[in-house]
Protein backbone atom coordinates (compact mmCIF):
# COMPACT_ATOMS: atom_id res chain seq x y z
CA MET A 1 90.05 70.05 53.59
CA VAL A 2 86.80 71.42 51.86
CA LEU A 3 85.78 74.91 52.57
CA LEU A 4 82.06 75.81 52.47
CA ASN A 5 80.46 79.18 51.55
CA GLY A 6 76.99 78.29 50.96
CA TYR A 7 77.79 79.75 46.95
CA ASN A 8 79.25 77.46 45.16
CA LEU A 9 78.98 73.77 46.30
CA THR A 10 78.79 71.16 42.84
CA SER A 11 76.61 68.47 42.77
CA LYS A 12 80.40 66.48 41.87
CA GLU A 13 82.02 68.11 45.16
CA LEU A 14 79.23 66.87 47.36
CA TYR A 15 79.43 63.53 45.86
CA ARG A 16 83.12 63.05 46.42
CA LEU A 17 82.69 64.53 50.20
CA SER A 18 79.98 61.76 50.51
CA ILE A 19 82.23 58.90 49.07
CA SER A 20 85.86 60.11 50.93
CA GLY A 21 86.82 60.91 54.53
CA THR A 22 87.88 64.77 53.77
CA LYS A 23 87.13 67.03 56.42
CA ILE A 24 85.13 69.97 56.27
CA GLY A 25 85.20 73.83 57.46
CA ILE A 26 83.61 77.13 56.52
CA THR A 27 84.98 80.22 55.49
CA ASP A 28 86.25 82.97 57.55
CA GLU A 29 83.40 85.09 55.43
CA ALA A 30 80.37 82.37 55.91
CA ALA A 31 81.09 82.45 59.52
CA GLU A 32 80.82 86.21 59.93
CA LYS A 33 77.60 86.31 58.03
CA VAL A 34 76.24 83.37 60.58
CA SER A 35 77.30 85.71 63.69
CA LYS A 36 76.16 88.82 62.29
CA SER A 37 72.84 87.20 61.29
CA PHE A 38 72.46 85.17 64.68
CA GLN A 39 73.09 88.67 66.41
CA PHE A 40 70.44 90.77 64.25
CA LEU A 41 68.21 87.52 65.37
CA LYS A 42 68.76 87.77 69.20
CA SER A 43 68.22 91.42 69.07
CA VAL A 44 65.03 92.24 66.91
CA TYR A 45 62.80 88.78 68.10
CA SER A 46 61.49 89.90 71.49
CA ASP A 47 60.02 93.29 69.80
CA LEU A 48 58.47 90.76 67.08
CA ASN A 49 56.28 88.88 66.18
CA LEU A 50 58.73 86.30 64.50
CA TYR A 51 57.18 82.39 62.99
CA GLY A 52 58.83 80.17 64.61
CA VAL A 53 60.57 82.26 67.19
CA ASN A 54 58.21 83.46 69.47
CA THR A 55 55.15 81.95 67.56
CA GLY A 56 53.26 78.32 67.18
CA LEU A 57 54.04 76.93 63.58
CA GLY A 58 51.62 75.79 60.86
CA PRO A 59 47.87 76.31 61.66
CA MET A 60 49.08 77.23 65.33
CA ALA A 61 51.13 80.32 64.13
CA GLN A 62 48.74 82.61 65.53
CA VAL A 63 49.31 81.28 69.20
CA ARG A 64 52.03 83.94 70.15
CA ILE A 65 54.42 81.79 72.54
CA ASN A 66 55.75 82.71 76.04
CA ASP A 67 59.55 84.36 76.20
CA ASP A 68 59.62 81.17 79.24
CA LYS A 69 59.04 78.72 76.40
CA LEU A 70 60.84 79.44 73.80
CA VAL A 71 63.82 76.72 73.75
CA GLU A 72 61.27 74.47 74.86
CA LEU A 73 59.38 75.60 71.11
CA GLN A 74 62.29 74.20 68.98
CA TYR A 75 62.76 71.14 70.75
CA ASN A 76 59.46 70.27 70.86
CA LEU A 77 59.42 71.02 67.07
CA VAL A 78 61.69 68.91 66.03
CA ARG A 79 61.03 65.72 68.53
CA SER A 80 57.16 65.68 67.31
CA HIS A 81 58.22 65.72 63.92
CA THR A 82 60.70 62.53 64.13
CA SER A 83 57.98 60.30 62.79
CA GLY A 84 59.93 58.62 59.93
CA PHE A 85 60.20 54.74 60.31
CA PRO A 86 63.35 53.65 60.59
CA ASN A 87 64.22 52.43 57.15
CA TYR A 88 67.06 54.95 56.43
CA LEU A 89 68.86 56.38 53.32
CA ASP A 90 72.48 54.78 52.60
CA ASN A 91 75.41 56.43 54.38
CA LEU A 92 76.81 58.24 51.47
CA SER A 93 73.35 60.19 50.72
CA CYS A 94 72.78 61.15 54.56
CA LYS A 95 76.19 62.66 54.52
CA ALA A 96 74.79 64.59 51.16
CA VAL A 97 71.83 65.74 52.84
CA PHE A 98 73.70 66.69 56.02
CA VAL A 99 76.28 68.61 54.11
CA ALA A 100 73.59 70.43 52.00
CA ARG A 101 71.94 71.67 55.05
CA LEU A 102 74.67 73.13 56.54
CA ASN A 103 75.44 75.03 53.45
CA SER A 104 72.10 76.02 53.22
CA LEU A 105 72.89 77.60 56.76
CA ILE A 106 75.72 79.18 56.82
CA ARG A 107 74.49 81.54 53.72
CA GLY A 108 73.20 84.11 56.65
CA HIS A 109 69.73 84.36 56.24
CA SER A 110 68.64 81.53 58.93
CA SER A 111 69.95 83.31 61.97
CA VAL A 112 71.66 80.26 63.44
CA SER A 113 74.24 80.58 65.99
CA PRO A 114 77.83 79.92 65.56
CA ASN A 115 77.96 77.34 67.64
CA LEU A 116 75.35 75.27 65.87
CA VAL A 117 77.74 75.55 62.59
CA ASN A 118 81.29 74.85 64.87
CA HIS A 119 78.80 71.99 66.17
CA MET A 120 77.73 70.27 62.87
CA VAL A 121 81.28 70.65 61.26
CA ASN A 122 82.80 68.78 64.26
CA MET A 123 80.12 65.91 63.99
CA TYR A 124 80.91 65.47 60.25
CA ASN A 125 84.74 65.68 60.63
CA ASN A 126 83.86 62.88 63.24
CA GLU A 127 81.65 61.04 61.37
CA ILE A 128 78.45 61.20 63.31
CA ILE A 129 75.69 61.66 60.21
CA PRO A 130 72.43 61.66 61.12
CA CYS A 131 70.32 59.09 59.79
CA ILE A 132 66.95 60.22 57.37
CA PRO A 133 64.23 58.34 56.73
CA ILE A 134 63.69 57.48 53.67
CA HIS A 135 59.61 57.95 54.05
CA GLY A 136 58.22 61.16 56.09
CA GLY A 137 58.18 64.47 53.84
CA VAL A 138 56.07 66.05 51.49
CA GLY A 139 58.41 68.46 50.49
CA ALA A 140 56.81 71.75 50.78
CA SER A 141 57.19 73.16 54.38
CA GLY A 142 61.03 71.52 53.43
CA ASP A 143 61.56 68.20 54.00
CA LEU A 144 60.19 68.54 57.79
CA VAL A 145 60.45 64.88 58.62
CA GLN A 146 63.86 64.09 57.22
CA LEU A 147 65.60 67.18 58.66
CA ALA A 148 63.55 66.97 61.84
CA HIS A 149 65.77 63.51 62.51
CA LEU A 150 69.44 65.17 61.30
CA ALA A 151 68.02 67.56 63.96
CA LEU A 152 67.25 64.96 66.41
CA ALA A 153 71.06 63.61 65.79
CA VAL A 154 72.62 67.13 66.38
CA ILE A 155 70.98 67.74 69.99
CA GLY A 156 72.41 63.83 70.47
CA GLU A 157 69.32 62.06 70.14
CA GLY A 158 67.80 59.53 67.57
CA THR A 159 70.14 57.76 65.31
CA VAL A 160 73.48 58.11 63.62
CA TYR A 161 75.71 56.09 61.15
CA PHE A 162 79.23 56.58 63.04
CA LYS A 163 82.27 55.51 60.76
CA GLY A 164 79.63 54.11 58.55
CA GLN A 165 77.89 51.26 61.58
CA GLN A 166 74.31 52.96 62.87
CA MET A 167 74.16 53.43 66.47
CA LEU A 168 72.54 55.57 68.96
CA ALA A 169 73.48 59.11 68.87
CA ALA A 170 74.29 59.05 72.66
CA GLU A 171 77.03 56.57 71.90
CA ALA A 172 78.54 58.16 69.47
CA TYR A 173 78.68 61.16 71.34
CA SER A 174 80.10 59.13 73.76
CA ILE A 175 82.84 57.70 71.61
CA THR A 176 83.96 61.08 70.10
CA GLY A 177 83.97 62.96 73.52
CA LEU A 178 81.27 65.63 71.78
CA GLN A 179 78.85 67.83 73.05
CA PRO A 180 75.27 67.72 71.86
CA SER A 181 74.52 71.03 70.50
CA LYS A 182 71.78 72.98 72.99
CA MET A 183 68.99 75.05 70.20
CA VAL A 184 68.10 78.51 70.42
CA LEU A 185 66.02 80.86 69.10
CA ARG A 186 65.08 79.33 66.29
CA GLU A 187 67.48 76.80 65.84
CA GLY A 188 65.07 73.55 65.33
CA LEU A 189 62.85 75.35 62.96
CA ALA A 190 66.46 76.33 60.92
CA LEU A 191 67.12 72.88 60.71
CA ILE A 192 64.24 70.97 59.26
CA ASN A 193 62.76 73.80 57.40
CA GLY A 194 64.49 73.45 53.91
CA THR A 195 64.41 71.07 50.56
CA SER A 196 68.27 70.20 51.81
CA ALA A 197 66.93 66.25 51.98
CA MET A 198 65.81 65.98 48.36
CA THR A 199 68.39 68.59 47.02
CA GLY A 200 71.36 66.30 48.88
CA VAL A 201 69.43 62.87 47.24
CA ALA A 202 69.02 64.66 44.01
CA ALA A 203 72.63 65.90 43.79
CA LEU A 204 73.74 62.48 43.75
CA ASN A 205 71.46 61.44 41.38
CA ILE A 206 73.25 63.78 39.05
CA VAL A 207 76.90 62.48 39.20
CA ASN A 208 75.07 58.56 38.86
CA ALA A 209 72.97 59.47 36.01
CA THR A 210 75.33 61.31 34.22
CA THR A 211 78.19 57.97 34.82
CA ALA A 212 74.74 55.44 33.50
CA LEU A 213 74.27 57.67 30.41
CA GLU A 214 78.47 57.50 29.71
CA TRP A 215 78.62 53.76 30.13
CA MET A 216 75.28 53.35 27.74
CA LEU A 217 77.36 55.75 25.21
CA ILE A 218 80.18 53.20 24.98
CA PHE A 219 78.13 50.17 25.06
CA SER A 220 75.27 51.60 22.13
CA VAL A 221 79.12 52.43 20.01
CA MET A 222 80.59 48.95 21.16
CA ILE A 223 77.50 47.16 19.86
CA ASN A 224 77.19 49.28 16.42
CA GLU A 225 81.22 48.29 16.38
CA VAL A 226 80.65 44.45 16.84
CA MET A 227 77.90 44.55 14.08
CA GLU A 228 79.82 46.73 11.55
CA ALA A 229 77.48 49.10 11.40
CA PHE A 230 77.54 51.83 9.25
CA ASP A 231 79.00 55.19 10.75
CA ASP A 232 76.98 57.56 8.73
CA HIS A 233 73.97 57.67 11.48
CA LEU A 234 77.31 59.27 13.73
CA SER A 235 78.18 61.90 11.65
CA ALA A 236 78.83 65.25 12.21
CA GLU A 237 76.88 65.95 8.99
CA LEU A 238 73.60 64.44 10.10
CA ASN A 239 73.03 65.67 13.86
CA ALA A 240 74.10 68.93 12.61
CA VAL A 241 70.68 69.51 10.60
CA LYS A 242 69.11 68.65 13.85
CA LYS A 243 69.31 71.60 16.40
CA HIS A 244 69.86 69.72 19.72
CA ARG A 245 72.57 70.35 22.07
CA GLY A 246 72.40 66.85 23.46
CA GLN A 247 72.08 65.11 20.11
CA THR A 248 75.21 66.91 18.45
CA GLU A 249 77.58 65.83 21.83
CA ILE A 250 75.93 62.40 22.22
CA ALA A 251 77.06 61.96 18.35
CA ARG A 252 80.46 63.64 18.61
CA LEU A 253 81.41 61.82 21.68
CA ALA A 254 80.06 58.82 19.71
CA ARG A 255 82.52 59.36 16.97
CA GLU A 256 86.01 60.28 19.39
CA ILE A 257 85.13 56.22 20.93
CA LEU A 258 85.03 54.55 17.83
CA LYS A 259 88.56 56.41 16.62
CA GLY A 260 90.69 53.73 15.79
CA SER A 261 88.36 51.43 14.91
CA LYS A 262 88.69 48.82 12.10
CA LEU A 263 84.89 47.23 12.22
CA ILE A 264 82.64 50.32 12.27
CA ARG A 265 82.14 50.67 8.39
CA VAL A 266 81.78 54.14 5.96
CA ARG A 267 79.12 54.86 3.85
CA ASN A 268 79.81 56.81 1.30
CA ASN A 269 77.60 59.08 -1.15
CA HIS A 270 76.12 55.62 -2.28
CA TRP A 271 76.73 52.06 -1.06
CA ASP A 272 77.60 48.77 -3.34
CA ARG A 273 75.87 46.48 -4.48
CA GLU A 274 75.67 43.69 -7.29
CA LYS A 275 73.10 45.31 -10.27
CA SER A 276 71.34 42.09 -10.73
CA ASP A 277 70.50 42.19 -6.91
CA ASP A 278 66.42 43.05 -6.27
CA PHE A 279 66.30 42.03 -2.82
CA PHE A 280 69.79 43.55 -0.83
CA LYS A 281 72.02 41.04 1.19
CA GLU A 282 71.97 43.05 4.07
CA LYS A 283 70.24 45.94 5.92
CA VAL A 284 70.57 49.20 4.48
CA GLN A 285 70.27 50.68 8.04
CA GLU A 286 70.45 49.26 11.43
CA TYR A 287 67.18 48.75 13.95
CA TYR A 288 66.81 51.79 15.91
CA SER A 289 68.46 50.78 19.17
CA LEU A 290 71.46 51.05 17.40
CA ARG A 291 70.79 53.82 14.74
CA CYS A 292 68.99 56.52 16.89
CA ILE A 293 71.99 56.39 19.65
CA PRO A 294 72.03 60.63 18.91
CA GLN A 295 68.53 61.35 18.83
CA ILE A 296 67.86 58.65 22.03
CA LEU A 297 70.79 59.56 24.24
CA GLY A 298 70.72 63.44 23.19
CA PRO A 299 67.01 64.26 25.56
CA VAL A 300 68.94 62.14 28.37
CA TYR A 301 72.02 64.44 27.91
CA ASP A 302 70.08 67.88 27.95
CA THR A 303 67.84 66.38 30.66
CA LEU A 304 70.31 66.07 32.95
CA ALA A 305 72.46 69.04 31.93
CA PHE A 306 69.31 71.37 33.15
CA ALA A 307 68.52 69.12 36.33
CA ALA A 308 72.27 69.75 37.40
CA ASP A 309 71.93 73.34 36.96
CA VAL A 310 68.79 73.50 38.60
CA ILE A 311 70.51 71.54 41.64
CA GLU A 312 73.54 73.50 41.95
CA ASN A 313 71.30 76.48 42.42
CA GLU A 314 69.14 74.71 44.65
CA LEU A 315 72.16 73.49 47.00
CA ASN A 316 73.46 77.35 47.24
CA SER A 317 70.26 78.81 48.00
CA THR A 318 68.62 79.55 51.29
CA SER A 319 65.57 77.32 51.38
CA ASP A 320 63.89 77.74 55.15
CA ASN A 321 61.02 80.26 56.45
CA PRO A 322 61.18 83.43 57.46
CA ILE A 323 64.34 84.99 55.68
CA ILE A 324 66.60 86.46 58.07
CA ASP A 325 68.03 89.47 56.19
CA PHE A 326 70.46 91.42 58.70
CA GLU A 327 71.93 93.82 56.22
CA SER A 328 68.75 95.61 55.43
CA GLU A 329 67.35 94.31 58.78
CA ASN A 330 64.33 92.84 57.62
CA VAL A 331 62.50 89.52 58.24
CA PHE A 332 60.67 88.14 55.17
CA HIS A 333 57.85 85.31 55.40
CA GLY A 334 57.66 83.46 52.24
CA GLY A 335 57.56 80.03 50.82
CA ASN A 336 61.65 79.00 49.81
CA PHE A 337 60.81 75.66 51.15
CA HIS A 338 58.77 74.42 48.52
CA GLY A 339 60.41 71.93 46.46
CA ASP A 340 59.03 71.95 43.30
CA TYR A 341 62.03 72.82 41.41
CA ILE A 342 63.84 69.72 43.15
CA SER A 343 60.46 67.52 42.46
CA LEU A 344 60.04 68.46 38.93
CA GLU A 345 63.98 67.28 37.12
CA MET A 346 63.80 63.88 39.82
CA ASP A 347 60.33 63.29 37.77
CA LYS A 348 62.24 64.19 34.36
CA LEU A 349 65.25 62.54 35.51
CA LYS A 350 63.16 59.03 35.99
CA LEU A 351 61.89 59.83 32.87
CA VAL A 352 65.24 60.10 30.74
CA LEU A 353 66.72 57.02 33.54
CA THR A 354 64.10 54.67 32.32
CA ARG A 355 64.30 55.86 29.07
CA LEU A 356 67.90 54.84 29.06
CA SER A 357 67.45 51.38 31.06
CA MET A 358 64.71 50.26 27.97
CA LEU A 359 67.47 51.32 25.63
CA SER A 360 69.75 48.96 27.13
CA GLU A 361 67.43 45.91 27.58
CA ARG A 362 66.74 46.35 23.52
CA GLN A 363 70.22 46.51 22.87
CA LEU A 364 70.64 43.38 25.11
CA ASN A 365 67.49 41.56 23.63
CA TYR A 366 68.92 42.51 19.61
CA LEU A 367 72.42 41.02 21.02
CA LEU A 368 70.72 37.89 22.40
CA ASN A 369 68.26 37.09 19.27
CA ASN A 370 70.53 35.73 16.45
CA ARG A 371 67.48 36.27 14.08
CA LEU A 372 67.79 39.75 14.77
CA ASN A 373 71.86 40.15 14.52
CA GLY A 374 72.17 37.52 11.82
CA LYS A 375 75.67 37.50 13.28
CA LEU A 376 75.58 36.11 16.84
CA PRO A 377 75.06 32.76 18.09
CA SER A 378 71.52 32.17 20.26
CA PHE A 379 71.87 34.14 23.72
CA ILE A 380 75.19 34.33 22.56
CA ASN A 381 75.89 30.76 23.55
CA ILE A 382 79.38 29.76 22.36
CA GLN A 383 78.74 26.26 24.58
CA THR A 384 76.53 23.50 22.90
CA LEU A 385 73.47 25.06 21.79
CA GLY A 386 70.34 23.10 23.48
CA LEU A 387 72.68 21.67 26.54
CA ASN A 388 73.95 25.08 27.67
CA PHE A 389 72.00 28.58 27.95
CA GLY A 390 74.59 31.10 27.41
CA LEU A 391 73.22 34.70 28.25
CA GLN A 392 69.25 33.51 28.50
CA GLY A 393 68.96 34.05 32.12
CA LEU A 394 70.36 37.26 32.15
CA GLN A 395 68.11 38.49 29.92
CA PHE A 396 65.03 37.82 32.39
CA THR A 397 66.48 40.00 35.06
CA ALA A 398 67.00 42.80 32.65
CA THR A 399 63.46 42.48 31.28
CA SER A 400 61.51 42.68 34.77
CA THR A 401 64.14 45.84 36.11
CA THR A 402 63.14 48.09 33.29
CA SER A 403 59.93 47.22 33.87
CA GLU A 404 60.18 47.83 37.15
CA ASN A 405 61.60 51.28 36.31
CA GLN A 406 58.55 52.12 33.74
CA THR A 407 56.04 51.20 36.80
CA LEU A 408 58.39 53.69 39.11
CA SER A 409 58.86 56.60 36.94
CA THR A 410 55.09 57.87 37.40
CA SER A 411 55.57 61.95 38.14
CA SER A 412 55.29 62.54 42.59
CA TYR A 413 55.36 65.86 41.30
CA ILE A 414 51.43 65.85 40.48
CA HIS A 415 50.84 63.73 42.71
CA SER A 416 49.99 66.64 45.70
CA ILE A 417 47.91 65.57 48.73
CA SER A 418 46.70 68.49 50.98
CA SER A 419 48.38 67.86 54.67
CA ASN A 420 48.94 69.95 57.99
CA GLN A 421 44.88 70.92 58.16
CA ASP A 422 45.21 72.12 54.63
CA ASN A 423 48.07 74.87 55.57
CA GLN A 424 50.00 72.74 53.77
CA ASP A 425 47.47 72.60 50.62
CA ILE A 426 49.58 72.14 47.67
CA VAL A 427 52.80 69.89 48.28
CA SER A 428 56.01 68.91 46.24
CA MET A 429 56.37 66.00 47.17
CA GLY A 430 60.17 66.36 46.05
CA PHE A 431 61.81 63.98 48.94
CA ASN A 432 60.08 61.10 47.46
CA SER A 433 60.93 62.18 43.98
CA ALA A 434 64.63 62.20 44.64
CA CYS A 435 64.55 59.05 46.66
CA LEU A 436 62.04 56.82 43.70
CA THR A 437 65.11 58.44 41.45
CA ALA A 438 67.43 57.20 43.49
CA ARG A 439 65.90 53.67 42.91
CA ILE A 440 65.67 53.88 39.11
CA ILE A 441 68.78 54.73 38.70
CA GLU A 442 70.15 51.68 40.96
CA ASN A 443 67.60 49.82 38.94
CA THR A 444 69.49 51.08 35.14
CA PHE A 445 73.02 49.94 36.44
CA GLU A 446 71.47 46.78 36.98
CA VAL A 447 70.33 46.55 33.24
CA ILE A 448 73.39 48.22 32.01
CA ALA A 449 75.93 45.54 33.45
CA ILE A 450 73.74 42.79 32.04
CA GLU A 451 74.33 44.78 28.67
CA ALA A 452 77.87 45.30 29.25
CA VAL A 453 78.62 41.52 29.88
CA ALA A 454 76.41 40.80 26.45
CA VAL A 455 78.35 43.00 24.65
CA LEU A 456 81.98 41.57 26.09
CA GLN A 457 80.07 37.96 24.83
CA ALA A 458 79.62 39.33 21.71
CA VAL A 459 83.15 40.52 21.33
CA ASP A 460 84.38 37.08 22.14
CA ALA A 461 82.13 34.84 19.88
CA LEU A 462 83.02 36.66 17.14
CA ASP A 463 86.88 37.00 17.76
CA VAL A 464 86.78 40.78 17.37
CA LYS A 465 88.96 42.27 19.99
CA THR A 466 92.10 43.27 18.58
CA MET A 467 89.68 45.25 15.75
CA LEU A 468 87.76 47.19 18.31
CA SER A 469 88.75 51.41 18.48
CA ASP A 470 91.36 51.95 20.87
CA TYR A 471 89.20 53.26 23.76
CA ASN A 472 86.78 50.06 23.39
CA ARG A 473 89.80 47.75 23.38
CA LYS A 474 90.38 49.35 26.60
CA VAL A 475 87.39 49.36 28.13
CA TYR A 476 86.88 45.64 27.22
CA ASP A 477 90.15 44.57 28.98
CA GLU A 478 88.74 46.72 31.79
CA LEU A 479 85.87 44.90 32.44
CA ARG A 480 87.05 41.39 31.50
CA ALA A 481 89.67 41.76 34.50
CA ILE A 482 86.31 41.68 36.61
CA PHE A 483 83.92 38.84 34.58
CA PRO A 484 85.96 36.46 32.80
CA VAL A 485 84.06 34.99 29.67
CA ILE A 486 81.17 32.73 30.10
CA THR A 487 82.27 29.50 28.53
CA LYS A 488 80.44 27.19 30.61
CA ASP A 489 77.21 27.90 32.64
CA ARG A 490 77.60 29.10 35.68
CA SER A 491 76.20 31.25 38.56
CA THR A 492 76.46 35.26 37.36
CA SER A 493 74.55 36.66 40.46
CA HIS A 494 77.23 37.98 42.40
CA GLU A 495 79.41 38.70 39.71
CA LEU A 496 77.15 40.81 38.08
CA GLU A 497 76.60 43.05 41.31
CA THR A 498 80.52 43.70 40.95
CA VAL A 499 80.24 44.55 37.43
CA LYS A 500 76.96 47.17 38.37
CA ASN A 501 79.08 48.91 41.18
CA TYR A 502 82.30 48.80 39.41
CA LEU A 503 80.19 50.81 36.69
CA ARG A 504 78.53 52.98 39.03
CA ASP A 505 81.73 53.55 41.01
CA ASN A 506 83.65 54.55 38.13
CA GLY A 507 82.48 57.57 35.94
CA LYS A 508 84.54 58.43 32.53
CA GLY A 509 84.66 61.43 33.13
CA PHE A 510 83.86 62.65 29.43
CA ILE A 511 80.37 63.91 29.40
CA GLY A 512 80.11 67.24 31.97
CA PHE A 513 78.05 70.00 32.87
CA ASN A 514 78.13 73.17 35.06
CA THR A 515 77.94 70.96 38.24
CA ILE A 516 79.62 68.40 37.72
CA SER A 517 82.69 69.24 35.28
CA ASN A 518 86.45 68.90 35.97
């Protein structure tokens, strides 16, 4: 069982929870904070004008709500905002959103009841996960529409994933014997007024993007090997004179991957050539897609590292409004629900993952174009030229998918549209940004999967498997087990899907940031 306390949930742990059947609970300290916060609000709300407790919401915040209507207010808030079309996130993403919201609520600044927290724990452990719609949230008063759908399931309505299958919440409750939660005080507002939807999706994006970067580095190194490139563009000396952490680390990892290679060439202080040569017989240095790996993947590394810190901070924050401080006996009205931090980092992630797919597509093109690489048959076709087509058809998919990424990588952060009678006059669009990033990551794995097939095919075409580095030889065997060499034209559609899923679900673990190390 994983015990949540609201302060140290990581992207990696959230990812592991999402893909596993691990149960959750909350620490005794968190339970005590929840109880104290709830009791404090319960003791003072009737004497104060508290937003969302005994006032209307948004532009109607000036309206005092009668005491006999306070519970109805919370139900009305949830039901009125469940306006997302029934096009839902997948089950894993919905689990991440649910745990992210629970982790925020148990910090003790939201004044929800212990009953609500315990109910959410029981929902999760019984595999009742609210279905979260993809469209609807502007990411400013929190992910209102997305989290309203979460709250709707908490009160026994709407649609859920039950053991991974969509069904009505009422049916899932009936099967498990659980009873829906009954909202009190400000629980409707506390459930929907936060950044947990965008943050949950963003946390998964961090883990998946890191895995994509790892595989991209591996295949970049393998191409350098297969092409018998010189090693100096990966050297510690060359990369040390440019002061970027990511570049240095990518180069270091590349050298580790290359250990034992019989193909990569060591460049001395000069290179040999026949003195009579006026034109070198081979290239002095490689094309950028091979030579500039540290300079291209380094910024991806640095962007991911920074984003990972931001996402972890948001995962362990209180993001609703108002903020209840039971220790100082104060209530603070503000805007912690605003999703700019997540929106900006996801926009940056869009850019670097699109760049990753562009690099992969260019490396693929290099391998398939015999006029560029000068070593391989056209389209790495090891059959009959003209009669057979090699990997020609696969390139079209990679190119079009990369182009889609370029289109999708437009910023969400700068696309604010005022809404809510201009109460929400500048918004983050953070959930949009997180969802688009997830789509770009999925696309990127498709492109990398095609490149993987091409790299393996190149190894076979040149018959150099035994000359690969120890690490890359293991990678070759690992992937050849699920995608055999193309010795005759065949449909590869479902095989490519298998490769893509394998790459996405099997990170190598040698790139780690603060939130996802270990």
